[in-house]
Amino acid sequence: MSNTAFKVAVLGGGISGAVCASTLARNGISVTLFESARGPGGRMSQRREKTEDGKELHFDHGAPFFSVSNPEVVRLVQEWESRGLVAEWKEKFGFFDFQTLKFDSIEQEGLSKRFVGVPGMNSICKALCSESGVESKFGVGIGRVEWLDDEKLWSLIGVDGQNLGQFKGLVASDKNIVSTRIAEVTGRVPPLGMDMLSILKFLFIFRMRSLIHLSFKETMF
């Protein structure tokens, strides 16, 4: 079967979901990414605040930087660097002594390179989520995920009951999709029940702070 026959839903617009969506789209897969927040980023999100004089301040309130060691991820970061999405971060680590009003740096020898997004940490996810072949839907929460055994498709229902479509493949990059802790916060049961996990086939895992689980009923590549 041609790759173009596959429609895949990616749940979560953090770094793992964004990378997965981009990778699938580059391989000819039709991808729809759903993110409940107003924009992409997840743990690499950025917040904007205006001061009294009208100036706009930007804060990376998730991960302040990242480092890589896996060769495959290193090559990926090198591509981002060539596109101007990331840059090496050469600032010093240390502590500020409020009594002496001096900054004392901490020796950082032997550590791998540190990178930051340009101009902000969410720039990476923004770029990946807007690539050709990726349809990104922000502000859309997933209320329920169902497996249609007869059709061999995943059905997605929004928190408002809206039918979000049916998909051949499903990516759960947000652990809250299956975590029972979501009930403590929202009062709702997890969108994807634990009893459904036995259906999933874990064909590909990309690790960068979280896991991506891909489920397909046929070989794609």
C-alpha atoms as a PDB file:
ATOM      1  CA  MET A   1       0.000   0.000   0.000  1.00  0.00           C
ATOM      2  CA  SER A   2       1.246   3.495  -0.813  1.00  0.00           C
ATOM      3  CA  ASN A   3       2.340   5.700   2.082  1.00  0.00           C
ATOM      4  CA  THR A   4      -0.115   8.356   0.913  1.00  0.00           C
ATOM      5  CA  ALA A   5      -2.972   6.018   1.871  1.00  0.00           C
ATOM      6  CA  PHE A   6      -2.112   6.519   5.544  1.00  0.00           C
ATOM      7  CA  LYS A   7      -3.669   9.239   7.676  1.00  0.00           C
ATOM      8  CA  VAL A   8      -1.961   9.639  11.030  1.00  0.00           C
ATOM      9  CA  ALA A   9      -3.071  11.587  14.101  1.00  0.00           C
ATOM     10  CA  VAL A  10      -0.339  12.969  16.360  1.00  0.00           C
ATOM     11  CA  LEU A  11      -1.553  13.857  19.852  1.00  0.00           C
ATOM     12  CA  GLY A  12       0.630  16.513  21.427  1.00  0.00           C
ATOM     13  CA  GLY A  13       2.628  19.391  19.962  1.00  0.00           C
ATOM     14  CA  GLY A  14       5.709  19.151  22.151  1.00  0.00           C
ATOM     15  CA  ILE A  15       9.151  18.360  20.791  1.00  0.00           C
ATOM     16  CA  SER A  16       8.548  14.608  20.419  1.00  0.00           C
ATOM     17  CA  GLY A  17       5.185  15.060  18.700  1.00  0.00           C
ATOM     18  CA  ALA A  18       6.529  17.794  16.428  1.00  0.00           C
ATOM     19  CA  VAL A  19       9.573  15.750  15.389  1.00  0.00           C
ATOM     20  CA  CYS A  20       7.426  12.705  14.730  1.00  0.00           C
ATOM     21  CA  ALA A  21       4.900  14.669  12.653  1.00  0.00           C
ATOM     22  CA  SER A  22       7.696  16.214  10.592  1.00  0.00           C
ATOM     23  CA  THR A  23       9.390  12.845  10.037  1.00  0.00           C
ATOM     24  CA  LEU A  24       6.177  11.157   8.928  1.00  0.00           C
ATOM     25  CA  ALA A  25       5.269  14.018   6.580  1.00  0.00           C
ATOM     26  CA  ARG A  26       8.698  13.858   4.952  1.00  0.00           C
ATOM     27  CA  ASN A  27       7.982  10.200   4.205  1.00  0.00           C
ATOM     28  CA  GLY A  28       4.737  10.996   2.410  1.00  0.00           C
ATOM     29  CA  ILE A  29       2.365  10.356   5.307  1.00  0.00           C
ATOM     30  CA  SER A  30      -0.668  12.619   5.786  1.00  0.00           C
ATOM     31  CA  VAL A  31      -0.370  13.988   9.332  1.00  0.00           C
ATOM     32  CA  THR A  32      -2.808  15.873  11.553  1.00  0.00           C
ATOM     33  CA  LEU A  33      -1.348  17.130  14.835  1.00  0.00           C
ATOM     34  CA  PHE A  34      -3.647  17.980  17.751  1.00  0.00           C
ATOM     35  CA  GLU A  35      -2.502  20.203  20.628  1.00  0.00           C
ATOM     36  CA  SER A  36      -4.757  21.438  23.427  1.00  0.00           C
ATOM     37  CA  ALA A  37      -2.621  24.533  24.083  1.00  0.00           C
ATOM     38  CA  ARG A  38      -2.729  27.700  21.985  1.00  0.00           C
ATOM     39  CA  GLY A  39       0.509  26.807  20.260  1.00  0.00           C
ATOM     40  CA  PRO A  40       3.258  24.192  20.036  1.00  0.00           C
ATOM     41  CA  GLY A  41       6.141  23.700  22.420  1.00  0.00           C
ATOM     42  CA  GLY A  42       5.122  21.588  25.394  1.00  0.00           C
ATOM     43  CA  ARG A  43       8.120  21.599  27.712  1.00  0.00           C
ATOM     44  CA  MET A  44       9.837  23.912  25.250  1.00  0.00           C
ATOM     45  CA  SER A  45       7.124  26.564  25.463  1.00  0.00           C
ATOM     46  CA  GLN A  46       7.659  30.304  25.599  1.00  0.00           C
ATOM     47  CA  ARG A  47       5.566  32.930  27.355  1.00  0.00           C
ATOM     48  CA  ARG A  48       5.204  36.564  26.340  1.00  0.00           C
ATOM     49  CA  GLU A  49       4.427  39.375  28.762  1.00  0.00           C
ATOM     50  CA  LYS A  50       4.097  43.120  28.218  1.00  0.00           C
ATOM     51  CA  THR A  51       5.600  45.617  30.631  1.00  0.00           C
ATOM     52  CA  GLU A  52       3.935  48.854  31.722  1.00  0.00           C
ATOM     53  CA  ASP A  53       5.901  50.795  29.106  1.00  0.00           C
ATOM     54  CA  GLY A  54       4.639  48.517  26.329  1.00  0.00           C
ATOM     55  CA  LYS A  55       7.759  46.432  25.841  1.00  0.00           C
ATOM     56  CA  GLU A  56       7.256  42.729  25.197  1.00  0.00           C
ATOM     57  CA  LEU A  57       9.298  40.251  27.196  1.00  0.00           C
ATOM     58  CA  HIS A  58       9.818  36.611  26.208  1.00  0.00           C
ATOM     59  CA  PHE A  59      10.377  33.834  28.743  1.00  0.00           C
ATOM     60  CA  ASP A  60      11.336  30.220  28.044  1.00  0.00           C
ATOM     61  CA  HIS A  61       9.364  28.810  30.961  1.00  0.00           C
ATOM     62  CA  GLY A  62      10.037  25.172  30.079  1.00  0.00           C
ATOM     63  CA  ALA A  63      13.434  23.695  29.262  1.00  0.00           C
ATOM     64  CA  PRO A  64      16.044  26.515  29.218  1.00  0.00           C
ATOM     65  CA  PHE A  65      18.390  24.524  26.955  1.00  0.00           C
ATOM     66  CA  PHE A  66      19.055  20.981  25.774  1.00  0.00           C
ATOM     67  CA  SER A  67      22.027  18.765  24.989  1.00  0.00           C
ATOM     68  CA  VAL A  68      22.296  15.679  22.792  1.00  0.00           C
ATOM     69  CA  SER A  69      24.439  12.543  22.676  1.00  0.00           C
ATOM     70  CA  ASN A  70      22.552  10.117  20.420  1.00  0.00           C
ATOM     71  CA  PRO A  71      24.141  10.204  16.918  1.00  0.00           C
ATOM     72  CA  GLU A  72      20.765  10.288  15.142  1.00  0.00           C
ATOM     73  CA  VAL A  73      19.573  13.193  17.274  1.00  0.00           C
ATOM     74  CA  VAL A  74      22.913  14.962  16.771  1.00  0.00           C
ATOM     75  CA  ARG A  75      22.345  14.872  13.003  1.00  0.00           C
ATOM     76  CA  LEU A  76      18.827  16.195  13.519  1.00  0.00           C
ATOM     77  CA  VAL A  77      20.070  19.092  15.651  1.00  0.00           C
ATOM     78  CA  GLN A  78      22.730  19.871  13.036  1.00  0.00           C
ATOM     79  CA  GLU A  79      19.936  20.225  10.480  1.00  0.00           C
ATOM     80  CA  TRP A  80      18.048  22.565  12.816  1.00  0.00           C
ATOM     81  CA  GLU A  81      21.227  24.577  13.304  1.00  0.00           C
ATOM     82  CA  SER A  82      21.681  24.927   9.533  1.00  0.00           C
ATOM     83  CA  ARG A  83      18.092  26.201   9.303  1.00  0.00           C
ATOM     84  CA  GLY A  84      18.696  28.781  12.029  1.00  0.00           C
ATOM     85  CA  LEU A  85      16.274  27.127  14.457  1.00  0.00           C
ATOM     86  CA  VAL A  86      18.874  26.456  17.159  1.00  0.00           C
ATOM     87  CA  ALA A  87      22.272  27.756  18.210  1.00  0.00           C
ATOM     88  CA  GLU A  88      24.924  26.625  20.642  1.00  0.00           C
ATOM     89  CA  TRP A  89      24.448  28.195  24.071  1.00  0.00           C
ATOM     90  CA  LYS A  90      27.759  29.315  25.542  1.00  0.00           C
ATOM     91  CA  GLU A  91      26.536  31.102  28.660  1.00  0.00           C
ATOM     92  CA  LYS A  92      28.023  30.169  32.027  1.00  0.00           C
ATOM     93  CA  PHE A  93      26.389  28.323  34.901  1.00  0.00           C
ATOM     94  CA  GLY A  94      26.855  29.573  38.428  1.00  0.00           C
ATOM     95  CA  PHE A  95      25.267  31.270  41.411  1.00  0.00           C
ATOM     96  CA  PHE A  96      24.737  34.862  42.502  1.00  0.00           C
ATOM     97  CA  ASP A  97      25.851  35.853  46.004  1.00  0.00           C
ATOM     98  CA  PHE A  98      23.407  38.521  47.159  1.00  0.00           C
ATOM     99  CA  GLN A  99      25.750  39.602  49.963  1.00  0.00           C
ATOM    100  CA  THR A 100      28.783  40.261  47.796  1.00  0.00           C
ATOM    101  CA  LEU A 101      26.670  40.976  44.692  1.00  0.00           C
ATOM    102  CA  LYS A 102      29.023  38.788  42.681  1.00  0.00           C
ATOM    103  CA  PHE A 103      28.375  35.987  40.222  1.00  0.00           C
ATOM    104  CA  ASP A 104      30.509  32.879  40.694  1.00  0.00           C
ATOM    105  CA  SER A 105      30.606  30.533  37.728  1.00  0.00           C
ATOM    106  CA  ILE A 106      30.659  26.757  38.086  1.00  0.00           C
ATOM    107  CA  GLU A 107      33.233  24.743  36.179  1.00  0.00           C
ATOM    108  CA  GLN A 108      31.542  22.953  33.284  1.00  0.00           C
ATOM    109  CA  GLU A 109      34.403  20.991  31.762  1.00  0.00           C
ATOM    110  CA  GLY A 110      33.572  17.754  29.975  1.00  0.00           C
ATOM    111  CA  LEU A 111      29.918  18.546  29.380  1.00  0.00           C
ATOM    112  CA  SER A 112      28.404  18.197  25.921  1.00  0.00           C
ATOM    113  CA  LYS A 113      27.303  21.194  23.908  1.00  0.00           C
ATOM    114  CA  ARG A 114      24.165  22.976  25.027  1.00  0.00           C
ATOM    115  CA  PHE A 115      21.666  24.338  22.523  1.00  0.00           C
ATOM    116  CA  VAL A 116      18.817  26.828  22.633  1.00  0.00           C
ATOM    117  CA  GLY A 117      16.029  27.585  20.205  1.00  0.00           C
ATOM    118  CA  VAL A 118      16.312  30.751  18.109  1.00  0.00           C
ATOM    119  CA  PRO A 119      14.816  33.187  18.922  1.00  0.00           C
ATOM    120  CA  GLY A 120      13.045  31.065  21.572  1.00  0.00           C
ATOM    121  CA  MET A 121      12.854  27.438  22.627  1.00  0.00           C
ATOM    122  CA  ASN A 122       9.468  26.979  20.963  1.00  0.00           C
ATOM    123  CA  SER A 123      10.891  28.002  17.572  1.00  0.00           C
ATOM    124  CA  ILE A 124      11.814  24.381  16.822  1.00  0.00           C
ATOM    125  CA  CYS A 125       8.300  23.055  17.381  1.00  0.00           C
ATOM    126  CA  LYS A 126       6.770  25.989  15.505  1.00  0.00           C
ATOM    127  CA  ALA A 127       8.851  25.249  12.423  1.00  0.00           C
ATOM    128  CA  LEU A 128       8.258  21.494  12.494  1.00  0.00           C
ATOM    129  CA  CYS A 129       4.507  21.845  13.019  1.00  0.00           C
ATOM    130  CA  SER A 130       4.209  24.156  10.006  1.00  0.00           C
ATOM    131  CA  GLU A 131       6.111  21.972   7.551  1.00  0.00           C
ATOM    132  CA  SER A 132       4.493  20.750   4.358  1.00  0.00           C
ATOM    133  CA  GLY A 133       2.315  17.712   4.961  1.00  0.00           C
ATOM    134  CA  VAL A 134       1.590  18.562   8.606  1.00  0.00           C
ATOM    135  CA  GLU A 135      -1.831  19.973   9.487  1.00  0.00           C
ATOM    136  CA  SER A 136      -1.654  21.405  13.008  1.00  0.00           C
ATOM    137  CA  LYS A 137      -4.767  22.055  15.085  1.00  0.00           C
ATOM    138  CA  PHE A 138      -4.109  24.034  18.252  1.00  0.00           C
ATOM    139  CA  GLY A 139      -6.561  24.640  21.064  1.00  0.00           C
ATOM    140  CA  VAL A 140      -8.125  21.242  20.390  1.00  0.00           C
ATOM    141  CA  GLY A 141      -8.298  18.837  23.316  1.00  0.00           C
ATOM    142  CA  ILE A 142      -8.833  15.111  22.860  1.00  0.00           C
ATOM    143  CA  GLY A 143     -11.712  13.785  24.929  1.00  0.00           C
ATOM    144  CA  ARG A 144     -11.811  10.197  23.777  1.00  0.00           C
ATOM    145  CA  VAL A 145      -9.866   7.817  21.540  1.00  0.00           C
ATOM    146  CA  GLU A 146     -11.576   4.706  20.192  1.00  0.00           C
ATOM    147  CA  TRP A 147     -10.372   1.769  18.120  1.00  0.00           C
ATOM    148  CA  LEU A 148     -12.859   0.783  15.388  1.00  0.00           C
ATOM    149  CA  ASP A 149     -12.063  -2.875  14.898  1.00  0.00           C
ATOM    150  CA  ASP A 150     -14.240  -3.374  11.813  1.00  0.00           C
ATOM    151  CA  GLU A 151     -12.744  -0.402   9.972  1.00  0.00           C
ATOM    152  CA  LYS A 152      -9.268  -0.888  11.475  1.00  0.00           C
ATOM    153  CA  LEU A 153      -9.146   2.831  12.245  1.00  0.00           C
ATOM    154  CA  TRP A 154      -8.655   5.103  15.244  1.00  0.00           C
ATOM    155  CA  SER A 155     -11.531   7.499  15.950  1.00  0.00           C
ATOM    156  CA  LEU A 156     -10.844  10.779  17.772  1.00  0.00           C
ATOM    157  CA  ILE A 157     -13.492  12.706  19.711  1.00  0.00           C
ATOM    158  CA  GLY A 158     -12.826  16.206  21.065  1.00  0.00           C
ATOM    159  CA  VAL A 159     -13.510  17.298  24.646  1.00  0.00           C
ATOM    160  CA  ASP A 160     -16.586  19.081  23.313  1.00  0.00           C
ATOM    161  CA  GLY A 161     -17.872  15.912  21.656  1.00  0.00           C
ATOM    162  CA  GLN A 162     -16.814  16.951  18.163  1.00  0.00           C
ATOM    163  CA  ASN A 163     -15.811  14.200  15.738  1.00  0.00           C
ATOM    164  CA  LEU A 164     -12.176  14.957  14.899  1.00  0.00           C
ATOM    165  CA  GLY A 165     -11.811  12.251  12.280  1.00  0.00           C
ATOM    166  CA  GLN A 166     -10.628   8.701  11.746  1.00  0.00           C
ATOM    167  CA  PHE A 167      -7.002   7.742  11.254  1.00  0.00           C
ATOM    168  CA  LYS A 168      -5.002   4.714  10.185  1.00  0.00           C
ATOM    169  CA  GLY A 169      -2.219   5.479  12.635  1.00  0.00           C
ATOM    170  CA  LEU A 170      -2.085   7.049  16.081  1.00  0.00           C
ATOM    171  CA  VAL A 171       0.794   8.784  17.860  1.00  0.00           C
ATOM    172  CA  ALA A 172       0.416   9.424  21.592  1.00  0.00           C
ATOM    173  CA  SER A 173       3.316  11.758  22.379  1.00  0.00           C
ATOM    174  CA  ASP A 174       1.526  13.230  25.409  1.00  0.00           C
ATOM    175  CA  LYS A 175       1.608  10.857  28.375  1.00  0.00           C
ATOM    176  CA  ASN A 176      -1.571  12.451  29.749  1.00  0.00           C
ATOM    177  CA  ILE A 177      -3.463  10.686  26.969  1.00  0.00           C
ATOM    178  CA  VAL A 178      -3.230   7.486  29.018  1.00  0.00           C
ATOM    179  CA  SER A 179      -2.333   8.796  32.486  1.00  0.00           C
ATOM    180  CA  THR A 180      -4.948   8.447  35.223  1.00  0.00           C
ATOM    181  CA  ARG A 181      -3.589  11.676  36.730  1.00  0.00           C
ATOM    182  CA  ILE A 182      -5.552  13.628  34.135  1.00  0.00           C
ATOM    183  CA  ALA A 183      -8.712  12.747  36.075  1.00  0.00           C
ATOM    184  CA  GLU A 184      -7.350  14.557  39.129  1.00  0.00           C
ATOM    185  CA  VAL A 185      -6.886  17.743  37.104  1.00  0.00           C
ATOM    186  CA  THR A 186      -9.852  17.708  34.725  1.00  0.00           C
ATOM    187  CA  GLY A 187     -12.306  15.340  36.360  1.00  0.00           C
ATOM    188  CA  ARG A 188     -12.402  13.328  33.120  1.00  0.00           C
ATOM    189  CA  VAL A 189     -11.138   9.834  32.438  1.00  0.00           C
ATOM    190  CA  PRO A 190      -8.019   9.537  30.216  1.00  0.00           C
ATOM    191  CA  PRO A 191      -8.882   9.774  26.486  1.00  0.00           C
ATOM    192  CA  LEU A 192      -7.099   6.480  25.776  1.00  0.00           C
ATOM    193  CA  GLY A 193      -7.963   3.736  28.238  1.00  0.00           C
ATOM    194  CA  MET A 194      -5.235   1.481  29.587  1.00  0.00           C
ATOM    195  CA  ASP A 195      -7.121  -1.494  28.155  1.00  0.00           C
ATOM    196  CA  MET A 196      -6.428  -0.109  24.679  1.00  0.00           C
ATOM    197  CA  LEU A 197      -2.654  -0.252  25.050  1.00  0.00           C
ATOM    198  CA  SER A 198      -2.576  -3.923  24.094  1.00  0.00           C
ATOM    199  CA  ILE A 199      -3.750  -2.882  20.613  1.00  0.00           C
ATOM    200  CA  LEU A 200      -0.844  -0.546  20.060  1.00  0.00           C
ATOM    201  CA  LYS A 201       2.214  -1.780  18.207  1.00  0.00           C
ATOM    202  CA  PHE A 202       5.290   0.149  19.281  1.00  0.00           C
ATOM    203  CA  LEU A 203       7.116   0.312  15.948  1.00  0.00           C
ATOM    204  CA  PHE A 204       9.144   3.442  16.502  1.00  0.00           C
ATOM    205  CA  ILE A 205      10.295   5.275  19.592  1.00  0.00           C
ATOM    206  CA  PHE A 206      11.892   8.717  19.579  1.00  0.00           C
ATOM    207  CA  ARG A 207      13.140   9.830  22.975  1.00  0.00           C
ATOM    208  CA  MET A 208      13.657  13.446  23.893  1.00  0.00           C
ATOM    209  CA  ARG A 209      12.117  13.988  27.331  1.00  0.00           C
ATOM    210  CA  SER A 210       9.119  11.813  26.381  1.00  0.00           C
ATOM    211  CA  LEU A 211       8.188   8.826  24.233  1.00  0.00           C
ATOM    212  CA  ILE A 212       6.334   8.619  20.972  1.00  0.00           C
ATOM    213  CA  HIS A 213       4.288   5.508  20.386  1.00  0.00           C
ATOM    214  CA  LEU A 214       3.326   4.770  16.788  1.00  0.00           C
ATOM    215  CA  SER A 215       0.536   2.374  16.026  1.00  0.00           C
ATOM    216  CA  PHE A 216       0.034   0.978  12.534  1.00  0.00           C
ATOM    217  CA  LYS A 217      -1.652  -2.145  11.292  1.00  0.00           C
ATOM    218  CA  GLU A 218       0.598  -2.399   8.236  1.00  0.00           C
ATOM    219  CA  THR A 219       4.272  -1.889   7.477  1.00  0.00           C
ATOM    220  CA  MET A 220       4.874   1.621   6.164  1.00  0.00           C
ATOM    221  CA  PHE A 221       8.519   1.920   5.188  1.00  0.00           C
END
